Amino acid sequence: MSIRRVVPDIRSDSFDASRDFYAKLGFEEVMNLGWVMTLASPSNPTAQLTFMNRDATAPMDPDISIEVDDVDAAHATMRDAGADIVHPLSDEEWGVRRFFVRDPSGRIINVVGHP
């Protein structure tokens, strides 16, 4: 299993203000579903920031998203290690497969893959 990218998930009540602020640093909007927006660097597309006002399908909001090449293997590893999986492995309508796990510091990690 390899890591493809790590993205902070930032809570925001104003996507416009966030987008305008980070545009000054060179970020561009690459996704906006209304409740979640991702900005990326045009010169380094894996350098990303995600903003959300509330996760649409999970009972809590993640702090960090980690994209892996095999989300099923990551889920099995976490489950077998006895980690606290707080949102089950799910296929989402926007084209990702993901689960949430709580890390030892209490942060909620969105482990995601693209099938």
PDB file of N, CA and C in Angstrom:
ATOM      1  N   MET A   1       0.853  -1.176   0.000  1.00  0.00           N
ATOM      2  CA  MET A   1       0.000   0.000   0.000  1.00  0.00           C
ATOM      3  C   MET A   1       0.898   1.238   0.000  1.00  0.00           C
ATOM      4  N   SER A   2       0.604   2.172  -0.890  1.00  0.00           N
ATOM      5  CA  SER A   2       1.396   3.401  -0.910  1.00  0.00           C
ATOM      6  C   SER A   2       0.479   4.610  -0.748  1.00  0.00           C
ATOM      7  N   ILE A   3       1.056   5.671  -0.221  1.00  0.00           N
ATOM      8  CA  ILE A   3       0.340   6.924   0.004  1.00  0.00           C
ATOM      9  C   ILE A   3       0.479   7.786  -1.241  1.00  0.00           C
ATOM     10  N   ARG A   4      -0.644   8.308  -1.717  1.00  0.00           N
ATOM     11  CA  ARG A   4      -0.641   9.170  -2.898  1.00  0.00           C
ATOM     12  C   ARG A   4      -0.595  10.645  -2.541  1.00  0.00           C
ATOM     13  N   ARG A   5      -1.303  11.023  -1.462  1.00  0.00           N
ATOM     14  CA  ARG A   5      -1.297  12.419  -1.021  1.00  0.00           C
ATOM     15  C   ARG A   5      -1.882  12.503   0.375  1.00  0.00           C
ATOM     16  N   VAL A   6      -1.548  13.578   1.065  1.00  0.00           N
ATOM     17  CA  VAL A   6      -2.094  13.883   2.380  1.00  0.00           C
ATOM     18  C   VAL A   6      -2.609  15.310   2.309  1.00  0.00           C
ATOM     19  N   VAL A   7      -3.861  15.514   2.721  1.00  0.00           N
ATOM     20  CA  VAL A   7      -4.514  16.809   2.580  1.00  0.00           C
ATOM     21  C   VAL A   7      -5.156  17.210   3.900  1.00  0.00           C
ATOM     22  N   PRO A   8      -4.871  18.424   4.392  1.00  0.00           N
ATOM     23  CA  PRO A   8      -5.605  18.880   5.579  1.00  0.00           C
ATOM     24  C   PRO A   8      -7.049  19.190   5.206  1.00  0.00           C
ATOM     25  N   ASP A   9      -7.959  18.858   6.104  1.00  0.00           N
ATOM     26  CA  ASP A   9      -9.383  19.166   5.931  1.00  0.00           C
ATOM     27  C   ASP A   9      -9.708  20.322   6.872  1.00  0.00           C
ATOM     28  N   ILE A  10     -10.017  21.473   6.303  1.00  0.00           N
ATOM     29  CA  ILE A  10     -10.204  22.705   7.061  1.00  0.00           C
ATOM     30  C   ILE A  10     -11.689  23.054   7.072  1.00  0.00           C
ATOM     31  N   ARG A  11     -12.228  23.282   8.244  1.00  0.00           N
ATOM     32  CA  ARG A  11     -13.624  23.700   8.332  1.00  0.00           C
ATOM     33  C   ARG A  11     -13.736  25.164   7.935  1.00  0.00           C
ATOM     34  N   SER A  12     -14.730  25.462   7.099  1.00  0.00           N
ATOM     35  CA  SER A  12     -14.916  26.832   6.613  1.00  0.00           C
ATOM     36  C   SER A  12     -16.394  27.115   6.403  1.00  0.00           C
ATOM     37  N   ASP A  13     -16.831  28.285   6.848  1.00  0.00           N
ATOM     38  CA  ASP A  13     -18.189  28.731   6.581  1.00  0.00           C
ATOM     39  C   ASP A  13     -18.237  29.654   5.375  1.00  0.00           C
ATOM     40  N   SER A  14     -17.063  29.945   4.794  1.00  0.00           N
ATOM     41  CA  SER A  14     -17.021  30.838   3.638  1.00  0.00           C
ATOM     42  C   SER A  14     -16.027  30.319   2.609  1.00  0.00           C
ATOM     43  N   PHE A  15     -16.530  29.504   1.690  1.00  0.00           N
ATOM     44  CA  PHE A  15     -15.671  28.982   0.635  1.00  0.00           C
ATOM     45  C   PHE A  15     -15.114  30.105  -0.231  1.00  0.00           C
ATOM     46  N   ASP A  16     -15.919  31.115  -0.508  1.00  0.00           N
ATOM     47  CA  ASP A  16     -15.457  32.230  -1.337  1.00  0.00           C
ATOM     48  C   ASP A  16     -14.252  32.920  -0.704  1.00  0.00           C
ATOM     49  N   ALA A  17     -14.337  33.226   0.579  1.00  0.00           N
ATOM     50  CA  ALA A  17     -13.235  33.904   1.264  1.00  0.00           C
ATOM     51  C   ALA A  17     -11.992  33.008   1.305  1.00  0.00           C
ATOM     52  N   SER A  18     -12.193  31.716   1.570  1.00  0.00           N
ATOM     53  CA  SER A  18     -11.057  30.787   1.606  1.00  0.00           C
ATOM     54  C   SER A  18     -10.402  30.682   0.237  1.00  0.00           C
ATOM     55  N   ARG A  19     -11.228  30.515  -0.805  1.00  0.00           N
ATOM     56  CA  ARG A  19     -10.696  30.402  -2.173  1.00  0.00           C
ATOM     57  C   ARG A  19      -9.930  31.668  -2.554  1.00  0.00           C
ATOM     58  N   ASP A  20     -10.500  32.848  -2.265  1.00  0.00           N
ATOM     59  CA  ASP A  20      -9.851  34.110  -2.621  1.00  0.00           C
ATOM     60  C   ASP A  20      -8.532  34.298  -1.882  1.00  0.00           C
ATOM     61  N   PHE A  21      -8.505  33.923  -0.603  1.00  0.00           N
ATOM     62  CA  PHE A  21      -7.279  34.048   0.193  1.00  0.00           C
ATOM     63  C   PHE A  21      -6.171  33.161  -0.367  1.00  0.00           C
ATOM     64  N   TYR A  22      -6.465  31.875  -0.576  1.00  0.00           N
ATOM     65  CA  TYR A  22      -5.436  30.935  -1.025  1.00  0.00           C
ATOM     66  C   TYR A  22      -5.079  31.105  -2.497  1.00  0.00           C
ATOM     67  N   ALA A  23      -5.943  31.742  -3.268  1.00  0.00           N
ATOM     68  CA  ALA A  23      -5.607  32.069  -4.662  1.00  0.00           C
ATOM     69  C   ALA A  23      -4.416  33.017  -4.706  1.00  0.00           C
ATOM     70  N   LYS A  24      -4.301  33.866  -3.712  1.00  0.00           N
ATOM     71  CA  LYS A  24      -3.158  34.790  -3.642  1.00  0.00           C
ATOM     72  C   LYS A  24      -1.831  34.044  -3.476  1.00  0.00           C
ATOM     73  N   LEU A  25      -1.907  32.803  -2.985  1.00  0.00           N
ATOM     74  CA  LEU A  25      -0.710  31.964  -2.836  1.00  0.00           C
ATOM     75  C   LEU A  25      -0.544  31.004  -4.008  1.00  0.00           C
ATOM     76  N   GLY A  26      -1.444  31.089  -4.996  1.00  0.00           N
ATOM     77  CA  GLY A  26      -1.307  30.282  -6.206  1.00  0.00           C
ATOM     78  C   GLY A  26      -2.234  29.093  -6.312  1.00  0.00           C
ATOM     79  N   PHE A  27      -3.099  28.872  -5.323  1.00  0.00           N
ATOM     80  CA  PHE A  27      -4.025  27.741  -5.386  1.00  0.00           C
ATOM     81  C   PHE A  27      -5.200  28.052  -6.312  1.00  0.00           C
ATOM     82  N   GLU A  28      -5.733  26.996  -6.941  1.00  0.00           N
ATOM     83  CA  GLU A  28      -6.915  27.101  -7.791  1.00  0.00           C
ATOM     84  C   GLU A  28      -7.941  26.066  -7.362  1.00  0.00           C
ATOM     85  N   GLU A  29      -9.214  26.398  -7.505  1.00  0.00           N
ATOM     86  CA  GLU A  29     -10.278  25.456  -7.184  1.00  0.00           C
ATOM     87  C   GLU A  29     -10.279  24.320  -8.201  1.00  0.00           C
ATOM     88  N   VAL A  30     -10.267  23.078  -7.696  1.00  0.00           N
ATOM     89  CA  VAL A  30     -10.306  21.908  -8.579  1.00  0.00           C
ATOM     90  C   VAL A  30     -11.538  21.044  -8.351  1.00  0.00           C
ATOM     91  N   MET A  31     -12.252  21.276  -7.232  1.00  0.00           N
ATOM     92  CA  MET A  31     -13.484  20.540  -6.958  1.00  0.00           C
ATOM     93  C   MET A  31     -14.330  21.361  -6.003  1.00  0.00           C
ATOM     94  N   ASN A  32     -15.641  21.361  -6.240  1.00  0.00           N
ATOM     95  CA  ASN A  32     -16.562  22.027  -5.319  1.00  0.00           C
ATOM     96  C   ASN A  32     -17.903  21.315  -5.407  1.00  0.00           C
ATOM     97  N   LEU A  33     -18.264  20.611  -4.332  1.00  0.00           N
ATOM     98  CA  LEU A  33     -19.535  19.894  -4.276  1.00  0.00           C
ATOM     99  C   LEU A  33     -20.574  20.655  -3.454  1.00  0.00           C
ATOM    100  N   GLY A  34     -20.273  21.887  -3.097  1.00  0.00           N
ATOM    101  CA  GLY A  34     -21.200  22.684  -2.310  1.00  0.00           C
ATOM    102  C   GLY A  34     -20.950  22.581  -0.816  1.00  0.00           C
ATOM    103  N   TRP A  35     -20.599  21.405  -0.323  1.00  0.00           N
ATOM    104  CA  TRP A  35     -20.282  21.207   1.091  1.00  0.00           C
ATOM    105  C   TRP A  35     -18.788  20.956   1.308  1.00  0.00           C
ATOM    106  N   VAL A  36     -18.082  20.661   0.220  1.00  0.00           N
ATOM    107  CA  VAL A  36     -16.644  20.424   0.280  1.00  0.00           C
ATOM    108  C   VAL A  36     -16.007  21.020  -0.977  1.00  0.00           C
ATOM    109  N   MET A  37     -14.866  21.681  -0.784  1.00  0.00           N
ATOM    110  CA  MET A  37     -14.151  22.314  -1.900  1.00  0.00           C
ATOM    111  C   MET A  37     -12.664  21.988  -1.749  1.00  0.00           C
ATOM    112  N   THR A  38     -12.029  21.654  -2.862  1.00  0.00           N
ATOM    113  CA  THR A  38     -10.590  21.384  -2.853  1.00  0.00           C
ATOM    114  C   THR A  38      -9.888  22.386  -3.749  1.00  0.00           C
ATOM    115  N   LEU A  39      -8.795  22.923  -3.216  1.00  0.00           N
ATOM    116  CA  LEU A  39      -7.905  23.806  -3.963  1.00  0.00           C
ATOM    117  C   LEU A  39      -6.603  23.061  -4.188  1.00  0.00           C
ATOM    118  N   ALA A  40      -5.966  23.301  -5.332  1.00  0.00           N
ATOM    119  CA  ALA A  40      -4.698  22.641  -5.639  1.00  0.00           C
ATOM    120  C   ALA A  40      -3.749  23.621  -6.305  1.00  0.00           C
ATOM    121  N   SER A  41      -2.477  23.301  -6.204  1.00  0.00           N
ATOM    122  CA  SER A  41      -1.444  24.066  -6.893  1.00  0.00           C
ATOM    123  C   SER A  41      -1.379  23.605  -8.343  1.00  0.00           C
ATOM    124  N   PRO A  42      -1.475  24.517  -9.311  1.00  0.00           N
ATOM    125  CA  PRO A  42      -1.366  24.110 -10.718  1.00  0.00           C
ATOM    126  C   PRO A  42      -0.006  23.501 -11.053  1.00  0.00           C
ATOM    127  N   SER A  43       1.045  23.932 -10.357  1.00  0.00           N
ATOM    128  CA  SER A  43       2.382  23.424 -10.649  1.00  0.00           C
ATOM    129  C   SER A  43       2.699  22.120  -9.910  1.00  0.00           C
ATOM    130  N   ASN A  44       1.917  21.803  -8.871  1.00  0.00           N
ATOM    131  CA  ASN A  44       2.111  20.581  -8.102  1.00  0.00           C
ATOM    132  C   ASN A  44       0.726  20.109  -7.652  1.00  0.00           C
ATOM    133  N   PRO A  45      -0.014  19.403  -8.493  1.00  0.00           N
ATOM    134  CA  PRO A  45      -1.417  19.082  -8.220  1.00  0.00           C
ATOM    135  C   PRO A  45      -1.679  18.272  -6.948  1.00  0.00           C
ATOM    136  N   THR A  46      -0.661  17.627  -6.384  1.00  0.00           N
ATOM    137  CA  THR A  46      -0.888  16.900  -5.133  1.00  0.00           C
ATOM    138  C   THR A  46      -0.777  17.810  -3.914  1.00  0.00           C
ATOM    139  N   ALA A  47      -0.348  19.056  -4.103  1.00  0.00           N
ATOM    140  CA  ALA A  47      -0.350  20.047  -3.015  1.00  0.00           C
ATOM    141  C   ALA A  47      -1.752  20.624  -2.956  1.00  0.00           C
ATOM    142  N   GLN A  48      -2.525  20.184  -1.965  1.00  0.00           N
ATOM    143  CA  GLN A  48      -3.945  20.521  -1.918  1.00  0.00           C
ATOM    144  C   GLN A  48      -4.382  20.938  -0.519  1.00  0.00           C
ATOM    145  N   LEU A  49      -5.487  21.675  -0.500  1.00  0.00           N
ATOM    146  CA  LEU A  49      -6.203  22.036   0.723  1.00  0.00           C
ATOM    147  C   LEU A  49      -7.666  21.708   0.484  1.00  0.00           C
ATOM    148  N   THR A  50      -8.319  21.118   1.465  1.00  0.00           N
ATOM    149  CA  THR A  50      -9.744  20.848   1.364  1.00  0.00           C
ATOM    150  C   THR A  50     -10.479  21.631   2.436  1.00  0.00           C
ATOM    151  N   PHE A  51     -11.577  22.247   2.043  1.00  0.00           N
ATOM    152  CA  PHE A  51     -12.424  23.014   2.952  1.00  0.00           C
ATOM    153  C   PHE A  51     -13.798  22.371   2.967  1.00  0.00           C
ATOM    154  N   MET A  52     -14.396  22.282   4.147  1.00  0.00           N
ATOM    155  CA  MET A  52     -15.748  21.735   4.224  1.00  0.00           C
ATOM    156  C   MET A  52     -16.531  22.453   5.305  1.00  0.00           C
ATOM    157  N   ASN A  53     -17.850  22.517   5.069  1.00  0.00           N
ATOM    158  CA  ASN A  53     -18.697  23.078   6.112  1.00  0.00           C
ATOM    159  C   ASN A  53     -19.363  21.983   6.929  1.00  0.00           C
ATOM    160  N   ARG A  54     -19.499  20.781   6.381  1.00  0.00           N
ATOM    161  CA  ARG A  54     -20.019  19.610   7.089  1.00  0.00           C
ATOM    162  C   ARG A  54     -19.940  18.429   6.140  1.00  0.00           C
ATOM    163  N   ASP A  55     -19.356  17.325   6.608  1.00  0.00           N
ATOM    164  CA  ASP A  55     -19.270  16.138   5.763  1.00  0.00           C
ATOM    165  C   ASP A  55     -20.669  15.656   5.427  1.00  0.00           C
ATOM    166  N   ALA A  56     -20.915  15.391   4.169  1.00  0.00           N
ATOM    167  CA  ALA A  56     -22.263  15.063   3.693  1.00  0.00           C
ATOM    168  C   ALA A  56     -22.738  13.670   4.082  1.00  0.00           C
ATOM    169  N   THR A  57     -21.842  12.706   4.299  1.00  0.00           N
ATOM    170  CA  THR A  57     -22.295  11.335   4.538  1.00  0.00           C
ATOM    171  C   THR A  57     -21.755  10.714   5.820  1.00  0.00           C
ATOM    172  N   ALA A  58     -20.919  11.424   6.549  1.00  0.00           N
ATOM    173  CA  ALA A  58     -20.340  10.862   7.768  1.00  0.00           C
ATOM    174  C   ALA A  58     -20.871  11.601   8.995  1.00  0.00           C
ATOM    175  N   PRO A  59     -20.869  10.936  10.143  1.00  0.00           N
ATOM    176  CA  PRO A  59     -21.395  11.563  11.350  1.00  0.00           C
ATOM    177  C   PRO A  59     -20.457  12.601  11.977  1.00  0.00           C
ATOM    178  N   MET A  60     -19.233  12.686  11.484  1.00  0.00           N
ATOM    179  CA  MET A  60     -18.270  13.663  11.978  1.00  0.00           C
ATOM    180  C   MET A  60     -17.422  14.153  10.812  1.00  0.00           C
ATOM    181  N   ASP A  61     -16.694  15.246  11.048  1.00  0.00           N
ATOM    182  CA  ASP A  61     -15.826  15.811  10.013  1.00  0.00           C
ATOM    183  C   ASP A  61     -14.396  15.326  10.228  1.00  0.00           C
ATOM    184  N   PRO A  62     -13.718  14.970   9.144  1.00  0.00           N
ATOM    185  CA  PRO A  62     -12.312  14.548   9.286  1.00  0.00           C
ATOM    186  C   PRO A  62     -11.386  15.749   9.470  1.00  0.00           C
ATOM    187  N   ASP A  63     -10.219  15.477  10.042  1.00  0.00           N
ATOM    188  CA  ASP A  63      -9.180  16.491  10.204  1.00  0.00           C
ATOM    189  C   ASP A  63      -8.156  16.426   9.081  1.00  0.00           C
ATOM    190  N   ILE A  64      -7.922  15.217   8.582  1.00  0.00           N
ATOM    191  CA  ILE A  64      -6.911  14.977   7.549  1.00  0.00           C
ATOM    192  C   ILE A  64      -7.449  13.915   6.603  1.00  0.00           C
ATOM    193  N   SER A  65      -7.165  14.052   5.314  1.00  0.00           N
ATOM    194  CA  SER A  65      -7.458  12.993   4.347  1.00  0.00           C
ATOM    195  C   SER A  65      -6.142  12.417   3.847  1.00  0.00           C
ATOM    196  N   ILE A  66      -6.075  11.106   3.820  1.00  0.00           N
ATOM    197  CA  ILE A  66      -4.907  10.401   3.291  1.00  0.00           C
ATOM    198  C   ILE A  66      -5.395   9.516   2.159  1.00  0.00           C
ATOM    199  N   GLU A  67      -4.936   9.816   0.944  1.00  0.00           N
ATOM    200  CA  GLU A  67      -5.289   8.979  -0.197  1.00  0.00           C
ATOM    201  C   GLU A  67      -4.253   7.878  -0.339  1.00  0.00           C
ATOM    202  N   VAL A  68      -4.735   6.643  -0.430  1.00  0.00           N
ATOM    203  CA  VAL A  68      -3.866   5.481  -0.594  1.00  0.00           C
ATOM    204  C   VAL A  68      -4.225   4.764  -1.888  1.00  0.00           C
ATOM    205  N   ASP A  69      -3.324   3.934  -2.362  1.00  0.00           N
ATOM    206  CA  ASP A  69      -3.591   3.207  -3.608  1.00  0.00           C
ATOM    207  C   ASP A  69      -4.510   2.014  -3.397  1.00  0.00           C
ATOM    208  N   ASP A  70      -4.632   1.521  -2.153  1.00  0.00           N
ATOM    209  CA  ASP A  70      -5.488   0.363  -1.867  1.00  0.00           C
ATOM    210  C   ASP A  70      -6.222   0.589  -0.553  1.00  0.00           C
ATOM    211  N   VAL A  71      -7.378   1.235  -0.625  1.00  0.00           N
ATOM    212  CA  VAL A  71      -8.129   1.580   0.578  1.00  0.00           C
ATOM    213  C   VAL A  71      -8.648   0.334   1.298  1.00  0.00           C
ATOM    214  N   ASP A  72      -8.937  -0.725   0.563  1.00  0.00           N
ATOM    215  CA  ASP A  72      -9.395  -1.959   1.208  1.00  0.00           C
ATOM    216  C   ASP A  72      -8.290  -2.568   2.067  1.00  0.00           C
ATOM    217  N   ALA A  73      -7.063  -2.557   1.571  1.00  0.00           N
ATOM    218  CA  ALA A  73      -5.931  -3.067   2.353  1.00  0.00           C
ATOM    219  C   ALA A  73      -5.688  -2.186   3.582  1.00  0.00           C
ATOM    220  N   ALA A  74      -5.800  -0.878   3.414  1.00  0.00           N
ATOM    221  CA  ALA A  74      -5.625   0.038   4.554  1.00  0.00           C
ATOM    222  C   ALA A  74      -6.690  -0.228   5.614  1.00  0.00           C
ATOM    223  N   HIS A  75      -7.921  -0.436   5.162  1.00  0.00           N
ATOM    224  CA  HIS A  75      -9.015  -0.725   6.097  1.00  0.00           C
ATOM    225  C   HIS A  75      -8.743  -2.032   6.843  1.00  0.00           C
ATOM    226  N   ALA A  76      -8.339  -3.062   6.128  1.00  0.00           N
ATOM    227  CA  ALA A  76      -8.053  -4.355   6.763  1.00  0.00           C
ATOM    228  C   ALA A  76      -6.922  -4.225   7.775  1.00  0.00           C
ATOM    229  N   THR A  77      -5.888  -3.464   7.430  1.00  0.00           N
ATOM    230  CA  THR A  77      -4.764  -3.258   8.349  1.00  0.00           C
ATOM    231  C   THR A  77      -5.219  -2.568   9.623  1.00  0.00           C
ATOM    232  N   MET A  78      -6.002  -1.499   9.471  1.00  0.00           N
ATOM    233  CA  MET A  78      -6.493  -0.763  10.638  1.00  0.00           C
ATOM    234  C   MET A  78      -7.440  -1.624  11.483  1.00  0.00           C
ATOM    235  N   ARG A  79      -8.346  -2.335  10.826  1.00  0.00           N
ATOM    236  CA  ARG A  79      -9.287  -3.219  11.536  1.00  0.00           C
ATOM    237  C   ARG A  79      -8.530  -4.296  12.311  1.00  0.00           C
ATOM    238  N   ASP A  80      -7.575  -4.947  11.643  1.00  0.00           N
ATOM    239  CA  ASP A  80      -6.828  -6.028  12.282  1.00  0.00           C
ATOM    240  C   ASP A  80      -5.957  -5.523  13.431  1.00  0.00           C
ATOM    241  N   ALA A  81      -5.571  -4.253  13.383  1.00  0.00           N
ATOM    242  CA  ALA A  81      -4.760  -3.668  14.454  1.00  0.00           C
ATOM    243  C   ALA A  81      -5.627  -3.195  15.625  1.00  0.00           C
ATOM    244  N   GLY A  82      -6.958  -3.284  15.461  1.00  0.00           N
ATOM    245  CA  GLY A  82      -7.849  -2.859  16.530  1.00  0.00           C
ATOM    246  C   GLY A  82      -8.058  -1.357  16.596  1.00  0.00           C
ATOM    247  N   ALA A  83      -7.759  -0.661  15.507  1.00  0.00           N
ATOM    248  CA  ALA A  83      -7.935   0.801  15.481  1.00  0.00           C
ATOM    249  C   ALA A  83      -9.420   1.143  15.588  1.00  0.00           C
ATOM    250  N   ASP A  84      -9.697   2.345  16.043  1.00  0.00           N
ATOM    251  CA  ASP A  84     -11.065   2.827  16.220  1.00  0.00           C
ATOM    252  C   ASP A  84     -11.593   3.358  14.890  1.00  0.00           C
ATOM    253  N   ILE A  85     -12.269   2.506  14.139  1.00  0.00           N
ATOM    254  CA  ILE A  85     -12.872   2.903  12.868  1.00  0.00           C
ATOM    255  C   ILE A  85     -14.212   3.547  13.196  1.00  0.00           C
ATOM    256  N   VAL A  86     -14.325   4.844  12.902  1.00  0.00           N
ATOM    257  CA  VAL A  86     -15.495   5.621  13.329  1.00  0.00           C
ATOM    258  C   VAL A  86     -16.488   5.882  12.202  1.00  0.00           C
ATOM    259  N   HIS A  87     -16.130   5.512  10.970  1.00  0.00           N
ATOM    260  CA  HIS A  87     -17.045   5.582   9.825  1.00  0.00           C
ATOM    261  C   HIS A  87     -16.670   4.412   8.923  1.00  0.00           C
ATOM    262  N   PRO A  88     -17.631   3.560   8.577  1.00  0.00           N
ATOM    263  CA  PRO A  88     -17.308   2.322   7.869  1.00  0.00           C
ATOM    264  C   PRO A  88     -16.812   2.551   6.443  1.00  0.00           C
ATOM    265  N   LEU A  89     -16.153   1.545   5.933  1.00  0.00           N
ATOM    266  CA  LEU A  89     -15.711   1.550   4.543  1.00  0.00           C
ATOM    267  C   LEU A  89     -16.935   1.714   3.654  1.00  0.00           C
ATOM    268  N   SER A  90     -16.929   2.770   2.827  1.00  0.00           N
ATOM    269  CA  SER A  90     -18.110   3.129   2.038  1.00  0.00           C
ATOM    270  C   SER A  90     -17.714   3.599   0.651  1.00  0.00           C
ATOM    271  N   ASP A  91     -18.555   3.295  -0.311  1.00  0.00           N
ATOM    272  CA  ASP A  91     -18.419   3.851  -1.661  1.00  0.00           C
ATOM    273  C   ASP A  91     -19.295   5.099  -1.724  1.00  0.00           C
ATOM    274  N   GLU A  92     -18.682   6.246  -2.025  1.00  0.00           N
ATOM    275  CA  GLU A  92     -19.402   7.517  -2.036  1.00  0.00           C
ATOM    276  C   GLU A  92     -19.827   7.879  -3.451  1.00  0.00           C
ATOM    277  N   GLU A  93     -20.921   8.602  -3.569  1.00  0.00           N
ATOM    278  CA  GLU A  93     -21.487   8.943  -4.876  1.00  0.00           C
ATOM    279  C   GLU A  93     -20.578   9.829  -5.708  1.00  0.00           C
ATOM    280  N   TRP A  94     -19.599  10.505  -5.092  1.00  0.00           N
ATOM    281  CA  TRP A  94     -18.688  11.364  -5.851  1.00  0.00           C
ATOM    282  C   TRP A  94     -17.431  10.611  -6.297  1.00  0.00           C
ATOM    283  N   GLY A  95     -17.459   9.278  -6.195  1.00  0.00           N
ATOM    284  CA  GLY A  95     -16.434   8.466  -6.841  1.00  0.00           C
ATOM    285  C   GLY A  95     -15.255   8.050  -5.998  1.00  0.00           C
ATOM    286  N   VAL A  96     -15.379   8.086  -4.679  1.00  0.00           N
ATOM    287  CA  VAL A  96     -14.299   7.604  -3.831  1.00  0.00           C
ATOM    288  C   VAL A  96     -14.802   6.475  -2.943  1.00  0.00           C
ATOM    289  N   ARG A  97     -13.868   5.699  -2.433  1.00  0.00           N
ATOM    290  CA  ARG A  97     -14.135   4.669  -1.425  1.00  0.00           C
ATOM    291  C   ARG A  97     -13.331   5.102  -0.210  1.00  0.00           C
ATOM    292  N   ARG A  98     -13.967   5.119   0.971  1.00  0.00           N
ATOM    293  CA  ARG A  98     -13.271   5.676   2.127  1.00  0.00           C
ATOM    294  C   ARG A  98     -13.790   5.112   3.436  1.00  0.00           C
ATOM    295  N   PHE A  99     -12.995   5.329   4.484  1.00  0.00           N
ATOM    296  CA  PHE A  99     -13.418   5.068   5.857  1.00  0.00           C
ATOM    297  C   PHE A  99     -12.720   6.097   6.740  1.00  0.00           C
ATOM    298  N   PHE A 100     -13.240   6.284   7.951  1.00  0.00           N
ATOM    299  CA  PHE A 100     -12.622   7.192   8.917  1.00  0.00           C
ATOM    300  C   PHE A 100     -12.080   6.353  10.068  1.00  0.00           C
ATOM    301  N   VAL A 101     -10.896   6.733  10.541  1.00  0.00           N
ATOM    302  CA  VAL A 101     -10.281   6.079  11.692  1.00  0.00           C
ATOM    303  C   VAL A 101      -9.768   7.172  12.632  1.00  0.00           C
ATOM    304  N   ARG A 102      -9.860   6.917  13.936  1.00  0.00           N
ATOM    305  CA  ARG A 102      -9.369   7.880  14.923  1.00  0.00           C
ATOM    306  C   ARG A 102      -7.906   7.548  15.233  1.00  0.00           C
ATOM    307  N   ASP A 103      -7.037   8.561  15.129  1.00  0.00           N
ATOM    308  CA  ASP A 103      -5.629   8.326  15.432  1.00  0.00           C
ATOM    309  C   ASP A 103      -5.402   8.433  16.948  1.00  0.00           C
ATOM    310  N   PRO A 104      -4.203   8.088  17.440  1.00  0.00           N
ATOM    311  CA  PRO A 104      -3.970   8.107  18.888  1.00  0.00           C
ATOM    312  C   PRO A 104      -4.155   9.474  19.551  1.00  0.00           C
ATOM    313  N   SER A 105      -4.067  10.562  18.787  1.00  0.00           N
ATOM    314  CA  SER A 105      -4.270  11.895  19.377  1.00  0.00           C
ATOM    315  C   SER A 105      -5.730  12.336  19.314  1.00  0.00           C
ATOM    316  N   GLY A 106      -6.602  11.470  18.768  1.00  0.00           N
ATOM    317  CA  GLY A 106      -8.019  11.788  18.697  1.00  0.00           C
ATOM    318  C   GLY A 106      -8.454  12.420  17.386  1.00  0.00           C
ATOM    319  N   ARG A 107      -7.519  12.644  16.471  1.00  0.00           N
ATOM    320  CA  ARG A 107      -7.852  13.220  15.160  1.00  0.00           C
ATOM    321  C   ARG A 107      -8.581  12.191  14.312  1.00  0.00           C
ATOM    322  N   ILE A 108      -9.540  12.688  13.505  1.00  0.00           N
ATOM    323  CA  ILE A 108     -10.284  11.819  12.607  1.00  0.00           C
ATOM    324  C   ILE A 108      -9.603  11.850  11.234  1.00  0.00           C
ATOM    325  N   ILE A 109      -9.193  10.666  10.782  1.00  0.00           N
ATOM    326  CA  ILE A 109      -8.468  10.521   9.526  1.00  0.00           C
ATOM    327  C   ILE A 109      -9.396   9.893   8.480  1.00  0.00           C
ATOM    328  N   ASN A 110      -9.574  10.592   7.367  1.00  0.00           N
ATOM    329  CA  ASN A 110     -10.341  10.107   6.234  1.00  0.00           C
ATOM    330  C   ASN A 110      -9.360   9.368   5.326  1.00  0.00           C
ATOM    331  N   VAL A 111      -9.439   8.044   5.311  1.00  0.00           N
ATOM    332  CA  VAL A 111      -8.572   7.237   4.446  1.00  0.00           C
ATOM    333  C   VAL A 111      -9.373   6.952   3.196  1.00  0.00           C
ATOM    334  N   VAL A 112      -8.848   7.401   2.055  1.00  0.00           N
ATOM    335  CA  VAL A 112      -9.635   7.430   0.827  1.00  0.00           C
ATOM    336  C   VAL A 112      -8.864   6.824  -0.337  1.00  0.00           C
ATOM    337  N   GLY A 113      -9.603   6.232  -1.249  1.00  0.00           N
ATOM    338  CA  GLY A 113      -9.027   5.716  -2.482  1.00  0.00           C
ATOM    339  C   GLY A 113      -9.979   5.963  -3.624  1.00  0.00           C
ATOM    340  N   HIS A 114      -9.435   5.942  -4.815  1.00  0.00           N
ATOM    341  CA  HIS A 114     -10.249   6.068  -6.022  1.00  0.00           C
ATOM    342  C   HIS A 114     -10.299   4.713  -6.695  1.00  0.00           C
ATOM    343  N   PRO A 115     -11.488   4.076  -6.709  1.00  0.00           N
ATOM    344  CA  PRO A 115     -11.587   2.726  -7.283  1.00  0.00           C
ATOM    345  C   PRO A 115     -11.284   2.698  -8.768  1.00  0.00           C
TER     346      PRO A 115
END
